Protein backbone atom coordinates (compact mmCIF):
# COMPACT_ATOMS: atom_id res chain seq x y z
CA UNK A 1 3.07 11.09 4.33
CA UNK A 2 6.60 11.60 5.65
CA UNK A 3 7.44 11.12 9.30
CA UNK A 4 10.17 13.75 9.10
CA UNK A 5 8.06 16.83 9.74
CA UNK A 6 8.41 20.31 8.33
CA UNK A 7 11.28 21.49 10.54
CA UNK A 8 13.39 18.34 10.32
CA UNK A 9 15.77 17.72 7.44
CA UNK A 10 17.17 14.45 6.19
CA UNK A 11 20.56 15.55 7.50
CA UNK A 12 19.12 15.69 11.01
CA UNK A 13 18.65 11.92 11.10
CA UNK A 14 21.80 10.76 9.32
CA UNK A 15 24.48 13.22 10.42
CA UNK A 16 27.28 11.56 12.38
CA UNK A 17 26.81 12.06 16.14
CA UNK A 18 30.58 12.31 16.48
CA UNK A 19 30.83 15.14 13.96
CA UNK A 20 28.09 16.92 15.88
CA UNK A 21 29.99 16.44 19.13
CA UNK A 22 33.21 17.73 17.57
CA UNK A 23 31.36 20.85 16.42
CA UNK A 24 29.84 21.35 19.89
CA UNK A 25 33.19 21.17 21.69
CA UNK A 26 35.71 22.33 19.07
CA UNK A 27 36.45 25.71 20.68
CA UNK A 28 36.53 24.44 24.27
CA UNK A 29 39.70 23.31 26.00
CA UNK A 30 39.30 20.27 28.26
CA UNK A 31 39.54 21.05 31.95
CA UNK A 32 41.81 18.05 32.65
CA UNK A 33 43.64 15.36 30.66
CA UNK A 34 41.00 13.90 28.40
CA UNK A 35 39.06 10.72 29.11
CA UNK A 36 36.95 9.67 26.13
CA UNK A 37 33.69 7.99 27.03
CA UNK A 38 31.93 9.12 23.86
CA UNK A 39 33.15 6.44 21.44
CA UNK A 40 32.26 2.75 21.70
CA UNK A 41 35.70 1.59 20.63
CA UNK A 42 36.90 -1.39 22.69
CA UNK A 43 40.28 -0.91 24.40
CA UNK A 44 40.91 -4.57 25.17
CA UNK A 45 44.27 -6.10 24.24
CA UNK A 46 44.72 -7.50 20.75
CA UNK A 47 44.38 -11.30 21.01
CA UNK A 48 47.94 -12.61 20.77
CA UNK A 49 47.05 -15.65 18.67
CA UNK A 50 45.93 -13.52 15.70
CA UNK A 51 49.28 -11.99 14.65
CA UNK A 52 50.80 -15.32 13.55
CA UNK A 53 47.70 -16.04 11.48
CA UNK A 54 47.97 -12.68 9.75
CA UNK A 55 51.69 -13.10 9.10
CA UNK A 56 51.16 -16.56 7.64
CA UNK A 57 48.71 -15.21 5.06
CA UNK A 58 50.22 -11.79 4.22
CA UNK A 59 51.02 -12.87 0.68
CA UNK A 60 47.28 -13.23 0.04
CA UNK A 61 46.86 -9.47 0.04
CA UNK A 62 47.99 -9.91 -3.55
CA UNK A 63 44.79 -11.75 -4.53
CA UNK A 64 41.23 -10.64 -5.08
CA UNK A 65 39.16 -12.14 -2.23
CA UNK A 66 35.87 -13.94 -2.89
CA UNK A 67 32.88 -11.76 -2.00
CA UNK A 68 31.14 -14.78 -0.49
CA UNK A 69 34.07 -15.43 1.84
CA UNK A 70 36.27 -18.47 2.07
CA UNK A 71 34.74 -21.83 3.03
CA UNK A 72 36.93 -21.78 6.14
CA UNK A 73 35.51 -18.48 7.35
CA UNK A 74 31.90 -19.48 6.68
CA UNK A 75 32.47 -22.79 8.46
CA UNK A 76 34.03 -21.03 11.47
CA UNK A 77 31.01 -18.70 11.67
CA UNK A 78 28.57 -21.59 11.37
CA UNK A 79 30.39 -23.52 14.08
CA UNK A 80 30.40 -20.49 16.41
CA UNK A 81 26.66 -20.01 15.93
CA UNK A 82 26.06 -23.65 16.85
CA UNK A 83 28.12 -23.30 20.02
CA UNK A 84 26.58 -19.99 21.02
CA UNK A 85 22.98 -20.91 20.21
CA UNK A 86 22.29 -24.63 20.78
CA UNK A 87 19.04 -24.48 18.79
CA UNK A 88 21.14 -23.63 15.72
CA UNK A 89 23.57 -26.52 16.11
CA UNK A 90 23.63 -28.38 12.81
CA UNK A 91 21.13 -25.93 11.30
CA UNK A 92 23.34 -23.15 9.92
CA UNK A 93 24.61 -24.25 6.51
CA UNK A 94 27.85 -22.38 5.69
CA UNK A 95 26.91 -22.41 2.02
CA UNK A 96 23.40 -20.96 2.24
CA UNK A 97 22.86 -19.37 5.65
CA UNK A 98 25.99 -17.19 6.06
CA UNK A 99 27.51 -14.19 4.28
CA UNK A 100 30.71 -12.56 5.62
CA UNK A 101 30.61 -8.76 5.69
CA UNK A 102 33.17 -5.99 5.58
CA UNK A 103 32.04 -5.03 9.07
CA UNK A 104 28.44 -5.25 10.24
CA UNK A 105 27.82 -1.59 9.39
CA UNK A 106 28.29 -2.36 5.71
CA UNK A 107 25.73 -5.14 5.92
CA UNK A 108 23.22 -3.20 7.99
CA UNK A 109 23.35 -0.42 5.41
CA UNK A 110 23.25 -2.49 2.23
CA UNK A 111 20.63 -5.07 3.29
CA UNK A 112 17.78 -2.60 2.92
CA UNK A 113 18.19 -2.49 -0.87
CA UNK A 114 17.41 -6.17 -1.59
CA UNK A 115 14.74 -5.95 1.12
CA UNK A 116 13.07 -3.16 -0.84
CA UNK A 117 13.39 -5.09 -4.09
CA UNK A 118 11.87 -8.12 -2.39
CA UNK A 119 8.65 -6.13 -1.85
CA UNK A 120 8.79 -4.10 -5.06
CA UNK A 121 4.99 -3.93 -5.20
CA UNK A 122 4.95 -1.53 -2.22
CA UNK A 123 4.84 2.00 -3.64
CA UNK A 124 5.73 3.81 -0.41
CA UNK A 125 7.89 1.39 1.62
CA UNK A 126 8.64 1.99 5.29
CA UNK A 127 11.44 0.78 7.57
CA UNK A 128 10.90 0.45 11.32
CA UNK A 129 13.68 2.01 13.40
CA UNK A 130 13.92 2.12 17.22
CA UNK A 131 14.37 5.57 18.71
CA UNK A 132 17.20 5.94 19.97
CA UNK A 133 18.90 4.37 16.97
CA UNK A 134 22.17 3.67 15.16
CA UNK A 135 22.45 6.30 12.41
CA UNK A 136 23.27 3.68 9.78
CA UNK A 137 19.68 2.42 9.97
CA UNK A 138 18.32 5.84 9.03
CA UNK A 139 20.98 6.49 6.39
CA UNK A 140 20.22 3.20 4.64
CA UNK A 141 16.50 3.88 4.74
CA UNK A 142 16.93 7.37 3.34
CA UNK A 143 19.26 6.36 0.51
CA UNK A 144 16.97 3.48 -0.44
CA UNK A 145 14.09 5.94 -0.81
CA UNK A 146 12.03 4.40 1.99
CA UNK A 147 10.31 6.15 4.89
CA UNK A 148 11.85 5.83 8.36
CA UNK A 149 9.16 4.98 10.91
CA UNK A 150 10.67 5.73 14.31
CA UNK A 151 9.46 3.63 17.23
CA UNK A 152 9.82 5.07 20.75
CA UNK A 153 12.11 2.91 22.90
CA UNK A 154 11.94 4.63 26.27
CA UNK A 155 11.81 3.37 29.86
CA UNK A 156 8.07 2.74 29.71
CA UNK A 157 8.75 -0.12 27.26
CA UNK A 158 11.93 -1.39 28.88
CA UNK A 159 13.95 0.62 26.33
CA UNK A 160 12.61 -1.51 23.47
CA UNK A 161 9.87 -0.57 20.97
CA UNK A 162 6.34 -1.56 21.99
CA UNK A 163 5.52 -4.00 19.21
CA UNK A 164 1.77 -4.03 19.86
CA UNK A 165 1.56 -0.26 19.38
CA UNK A 166 2.92 -0.11 15.83
CA UNK A 167 0.40 1.35 13.40
CA UNK A 168 -1.12 -1.38 11.18
CA UNK A 169 -1.07 0.99 8.22
CA UNK A 170 2.69 1.35 8.61
CA UNK A 171 3.15 -2.40 9.08
CA UNK A 172 1.29 -3.08 5.82
CA UNK A 173 4.03 -1.27 3.87
CA UNK A 174 7.04 -2.20 6.01
CA UNK A 175 9.98 -3.86 4.22
CA UNK A 176 12.36 -4.12 7.17
CA UNK A 177 12.67 -3.67 10.93
CA UNK A 178 16.00 -2.86 12.57
CA UNK A 179 16.03 -4.31 16.07
CA UNK A 180 19.18 -3.99 18.20
CA UNK A 181 19.59 -6.31 21.21
CA UNK A 182 21.44 -5.64 23.43
CA UNK A 183 20.47 -2.15 22.42
CA UNK A 184 22.67 0.85 21.74
CA UNK A 185 22.65 3.09 23.78
CA UNK A 186 20.41 1.72 26.56
CA UNK A 187 21.78 -1.83 26.92
CA UNK A 188 18.31 -3.39 26.91
CA UNK A 189 18.01 -7.09 26.06
CA UNK A 190 15.04 -8.49 24.18
CA UNK A 191 13.93 -11.74 25.81
CA UNK A 192 12.71 -14.79 23.94
CA UNK A 193 9.06 -13.80 24.18
CA UNK A 194 9.76 -10.36 22.72
CA UNK A 195 11.82 -11.81 19.87
CA UNK A 196 9.09 -14.35 19.11
CA UNK A 197 6.59 -11.50 18.87
CA UNK A 198 8.88 -9.57 16.52
CA UNK A 199 9.39 -12.68 14.37
CA UNK A 200 5.65 -13.28 14.15
CA UNK A 201 5.13 -9.65 13.15
CA UNK A 202 7.74 -9.93 10.39
CA UNK A 203 6.14 -13.05 8.98
CA UNK A 204 2.57 -11.80 9.25
CA UNK A 205 3.44 -8.70 7.25
CA UNK A 206 6.21 -10.33 5.19
CA UNK A 207 9.09 -8.00 5.99
CA UNK A 208 12.67 -8.68 7.05
CA UNK A 209 13.65 -8.54 10.70
CA UNK A 210 17.18 -7.12 10.76
CA UNK A 211 18.46 -8.35 14.14
CA UNK A 212 21.51 -6.25 15.03
CA UNK A 213 23.21 -8.48 17.62
CA UNK A 214 26.68 -6.92 17.58
CA UNK A 215 26.71 -6.55 21.39
CA UNK A 216 25.45 -10.08 22.09
CA UNK A 217 28.69 -11.23 23.73
CA UNK A 218 28.83 -8.33 26.20
CA UNK A 219 26.42 -9.16 28.99
CA UNK A 220 26.08 -9.59 32.73
CA UNK A 221 24.02 -12.43 34.18
CA UNK A 222 23.03 -14.45 31.12
CA UNK A 223 23.78 -14.59 27.39
CA UNK A 224 21.11 -12.69 25.44
CA UNK A 225 18.91 -14.85 23.23
CA UNK A 226 19.29 -14.47 19.48
CA UNK A 227 16.54 -13.92 16.92
CA UNK A 228 17.62 -16.88 14.77
CA UNK A 229 17.79 -19.10 17.83
CA UNK A 230 14.24 -18.21 18.82
CA UNK A 231 12.94 -18.54 15.26
CA UNK A 232 14.44 -22.02 14.84
CA UNK A 233 13.42 -23.28 18.26
CA UNK A 234 9.83 -22.09 18.02
CA UNK A 235 9.03 -22.55 14.32
CA UNK A 236 11.81 -24.64 12.76
CA UNK A 237 12.36 -21.93 10.17
CA UNK A 238 14.69 -18.95 9.61
CA UNK A 239 12.36 -17.26 7.10
CA UNK A 240 12.17 -13.45 7.30
CA UNK A 241 14.98 -13.24 9.89
CA UNK A 242 18.61 -12.21 9.40
CA UNK A 243 21.05 -11.51 12.23
CA UNK A 244 24.13 -9.29 11.99
CA UNK A 245 27.29 -9.94 13.99
CA UNK A 246 30.69 -8.30 14.26
CA UNK A 247 34.18 -8.93 15.59
CA UNK A 248 34.42 -5.23 16.48
CA UNK A 249 32.63 -5.63 19.80
CA UNK A 250 32.86 -9.39 20.46
CA UNK A 251 36.62 -9.64 19.94
CA UNK A 252 37.64 -6.00 20.42
CA UNK A 253 38.72 -5.71 16.77
CA UNK A 254 36.96 -2.62 15.37
CA UNK A 255 39.76 -1.96 12.88
CA UNK A 256 39.48 -5.43 11.35
CA UNK A 257 36.19 -4.52 9.64
CA UNK A 258 34.85 -8.04 9.74
CA UNK A 259 31.39 -9.37 10.51
CA UNK A 260 28.65 -11.50 9.04
CA UNK A 261 24.95 -11.80 8.36
CA UNK A 262 23.12 -15.10 8.75
CA UNK A 263 19.60 -16.41 8.42
CA UNK A 264 16.87 -16.55 5.77
CA UNK A 265 18.55 -18.40 2.85
CA UNK A 266 16.28 -16.94 0.17
CA UNK A 267 17.02 -13.39 1.23
CA UNK A 268 20.74 -14.10 1.64
CA UNK A 269 20.88 -15.43 -1.92
CA UNK A 270 19.48 -12.12 -3.19
CA UNK A 271 21.69 -10.17 -0.81
CA UNK A 272 24.72 -12.10 -2.07
CA UNK A 273 23.91 -11.19 -5.68
CA UNK A 274 23.60 -7.54 -4.66
CA UNK A 275 26.85 -7.58 -2.71
CA UNK A 276 28.73 -9.09 -5.67
CA UNK A 277 28.47 -5.78 -7.53
CA UNK A 278 27.82 -3.21 -4.79
CA UNK A 279 29.83 -4.08 -1.67
CA UNK A 280 33.47 -4.60 -0.65
CA UNK A 281 35.13 -7.94 -0.04
CA UNK A 282 37.07 -8.81 3.09
CA UNK A 283 40.79 -9.16 2.24
CA UNK A 284 41.88 -12.80 2.35
CA UNK A 285 44.36 -12.41 5.23
CA UNK A 286 41.59 -10.75 7.27
CA UNK A 287 39.28 -13.65 6.49
CA UNK A 288 41.82 -16.08 7.95
CA UNK A 289 42.21 -13.90 11.05
CA UNK A 290 38.44 -13.66 11.37
CA UNK A 291 38.03 -17.44 11.22
CA UNK A 292 40.59 -17.80 14.01
CA UNK A 293 38.80 -15.19 16.13
CA UNK A 294 35.39 -16.86 15.77
CA UNK A 295 36.94 -20.17 16.83
CA UNK A 296 38.37 -18.87 20.13
CA UNK A 297 36.44 -17.79 23.26
CA UNK A 298 39.05 -17.07 25.93
CA UNK A 299 39.70 -13.53 24.70
CA UNK A 300 35.95 -12.87 24.62
CA UNK A 301 35.57 -14.01 28.22
CA UNK A 302 38.47 -11.78 29.28
CA UNK A 303 36.84 -8.76 27.63
CA UNK A 304 33.51 -9.54 29.26
CA UNK A 305 35.23 -9.64 32.66
CA UNK A 306 36.74 -6.21 31.97
CA UNK A 307 33.33 -4.73 31.20
CA UNK A 308 31.82 -6.34 34.29
CA UNK A 309 34.58 -4.79 36.41
CA UNK A 310 33.76 -1.41 34.88
CA UNK A 311 30.10 -1.78 35.77
CA UNK A 312 31.08 -2.74 39.32
CA UNK A 313 32.91 0.60 39.44
CA UNK A 314 29.86 2.38 38.02
CA UNK A 315 27.64 0.74 40.64
CA UNK A 316 29.80 2.12 43.42
CA UNK A 317 30.07 5.64 42.02
CA UNK A 318 26.81 6.32 40.18
CA UNK A 319 24.19 4.34 42.09
CA UNK A 320 21.35 6.68 43.01
CA UNK A 321 22.53 9.35 40.57
CA UNK A 322 21.40 10.44 37.09
CA UNK A 323 18.90 7.60 36.70
CA UNK A 324 21.76 5.13 36.64
CA UNK A 325 20.95 1.46 36.10
CA UNK A 326 23.30 -1.37 35.31
CA UNK A 327 22.43 -2.51 31.76
CA UNK A 328 21.74 -6.13 30.93
CA UNK A 329 24.04 -5.99 27.93
CA UNK A 330 26.52 -3.87 25.92
CA UNK A 331 29.10 -1.53 27.49
CA UNK A 332 27.08 1.72 27.50
CA UNK A 333 25.51 3.88 30.17
CA UNK A 334 22.46 5.98 29.34
CA UNK A 335 22.32 8.72 31.97
CA UNK A 336 19.61 11.32 32.53
CA UNK A 337 21.19 14.73 33.06
CA UNK A 338 18.03 16.83 32.80
CA UNK A 339 18.96 18.50 36.09
CA UNK A 340 22.13 19.82 34.46
CA UNK A 341 20.56 21.36 31.38
CA UNK A 342 20.22 18.19 29.33
CA UNK A 343 22.67 16.23 27.23
CA UNK A 344 24.36 18.95 25.20
CA UNK A 345 24.74 21.30 28.16
CA UNK A 346 26.08 18.52 30.37
CA UNK A 347 28.52 17.33 27.67
CA UNK A 348 29.86 20.87 27.41
CA UNK A 349 30.11 21.27 31.19
CA UNK A 350 31.96 17.97 31.60
CA UNK A 351 34.46 18.62 28.81
CA UNK A 352 35.19 22.11 30.01
CA UNK A 353 35.11 21.27 33.70
CA UNK A 354 36.91 17.93 33.93
CA UNK A 355 38.02 16.73 30.48
CA UNK A 356 35.47 13.90 30.23
CA UNK A 357 33.95 13.55 26.77
CA UNK A 358 30.44 12.08 26.57
CA UNK A 359 27.91 11.89 23.75
CA UNK A 360 24.64 13.86 24.00
CA UNK A 361 21.64 11.57 23.71
CA UNK A 362 19.92 13.92 21.27
CA UNK A 363 22.53 12.92 18.70
CA UNK A 364 21.26 9.33 18.83
CA UNK A 365 17.54 10.08 18.76
CA UNK A 366 15.04 11.77 16.47
CA UNK A 367 12.38 14.32 17.35
CA UNK A 368 9.06 13.66 15.64
CA UNK A 369 7.16 16.70 14.41
CA UNK A 370 5.91 18.88 17.26
CA UNK A 371 7.56 16.65 19.87
CA UNK A 372 10.60 17.07 22.09
CA UNK A 373 13.66 15.02 21.23
CA UNK A 374 13.43 11.90 23.45
CA UNK A 375 17.19 11.89 23.98
CA UNK A 376 17.66 15.55 24.82
CA UNK A 377 18.06 14.92 28.58
CA UNK A 378 20.51 12.02 28.21
CA UNK A 379 24.16 11.32 27.59
CA UNK A 380 25.77 8.07 26.49
CA UNK A 381 28.99 6.79 28.05
CA UNK A 382 30.99 3.87 26.66
CA UNK A 383 32.81 2.07 29.49
CA UNK A 384 35.52 0.61 27.26
CA UNK A 385 38.63 1.59 29.26
CA UNK A 386 40.32 -0.28 32.10
CA UNK A 387 38.76 -0.08 35.56
CA UNK A 388 41.17 2.58 36.84
CA UNK A 389 40.44 4.94 33.93
CA UNK A 390 36.73 4.24 34.30
CA UNK A 391 36.87 5.03 38.01
CA UNK A 392 38.77 8.26 37.37
CA UNK A 393 36.36 9.40 34.68
CA UNK A 394 33.19 8.64 36.62
CA UNK A 395 34.57 10.26 39.75
CA UNK A 396 35.33 13.41 37.76
CA UNK A 397 31.74 13.47 36.48
CA UNK A 398 30.32 13.29 40.00
CA UNK A 399 32.76 15.88 41.30
CA UNK A 400 31.86 18.25 38.46
CA UNK A 401 28.11 17.79 38.43
CA UNK A 402 27.59 17.00 42.11
C-alpha cells in the first residue's frame, strides 16, 4: 500500500522547492533591495590556499579521472575522519572505507540503488525519510521504485524521527533510512544515544543507515557526534552504516561538487561497482583541491565563527518571536509564521513588503493522506550572509510582520 495517498502525486514530493518558490513569487516585485535567505549557499570567502593547488593541476583536466578517486584524496579524507572522530583514528582504510563523490547529493541519490539490490528478496521495499526532508531522498526512493515512508520529525520528538514509533511492518521491508544530523531545516542534532538506537535498528532489520552529515562542521557548543564514530566506539564495526560528507557546507565550496561516502566496506564495494558505470567522476584538479581542503581547518573555523555571529544577531532580534530557537547545528532557522497565514503567505508578504526571500516550510515537507502538511506554518531561513546583511534582513522581517 502506497503512503502517497489519492490526492498526492509523485511530483509533489520530488519537485524542487526553489522552483516552487520562483513560481510563487515570479509576478511580485520585491519591496526593497533583495536579501536572499531562501538558499543554503555559503557566502564565506574562498580559501586562499586552494587557487595555487588548482593552478598547479590545471593540465589534468585533459585526463579521465578515476571514479574511485586518487589515493591522495582518499587518504586526506581518511585522515580528516580520524582527526574529527577519535574513535575512527586508524580505522578508516582509504582503500575500502571511502568513496569520493561528485557532491554528496549525487551519492545520496545513487546509494539507494545498490541498497535495493542488496535486499533483492524484498518485493515491496521501503525507504525511511524524515519529514521535513531533503528532496533528493524522495527522488532517489521514487526512481528506485521503492516506497517512501515518511517519519514525522516535529518538536515533540526534538525535530528528529521517533525511532521507537516506526511500524514494524515497514521496518521488515526497509532497505535504507536517510537520517540528517544536524538536520535540514530544523538544525537538530542526534546525540550518541539516538545514533546508537538508529544503528541497532538498521542492523536488526538489515538495512542501510544513510547518515547525511553534511552540516556536521557547523555547530554551536559542541561538535555533533557521527554515526560511524558511534558505531565503531560501541560495537567495533561499521556494518550497515554509511556517512555522507561534503565540502559544500564544511568549506563553503558548493560549486566544487565534491564530497564522499564512508563506512560499511561491503556496501561500498557494491556501491563502487555501481558508480563505475552510473555516476560521474570528480575531475582530477578538483580532487587535488578537495584533498587540500580536507587537510586544512582554519577556514572551517572562520566560517563557523561567521555563523555563530549570525545566530547572535538572530538571538537579539528574534528571541520571543515566531517560535525562534537557536539551533544546535547547521545555519538554518525554522520559524513558525502561523499567525501570518502560514509559510507561503508569509513568504509572499515578506518578498512584497521588504524584499526578503524565505522558503515556505511546506516545500520541504510532505502531507500524508488526510493530514495537514506539517510544514505549512513554517519558513526556512539560511543565515549564510555576513552579520550586517543578516541583521538588516531579520530587522526587515520584524518590521514587516510585527
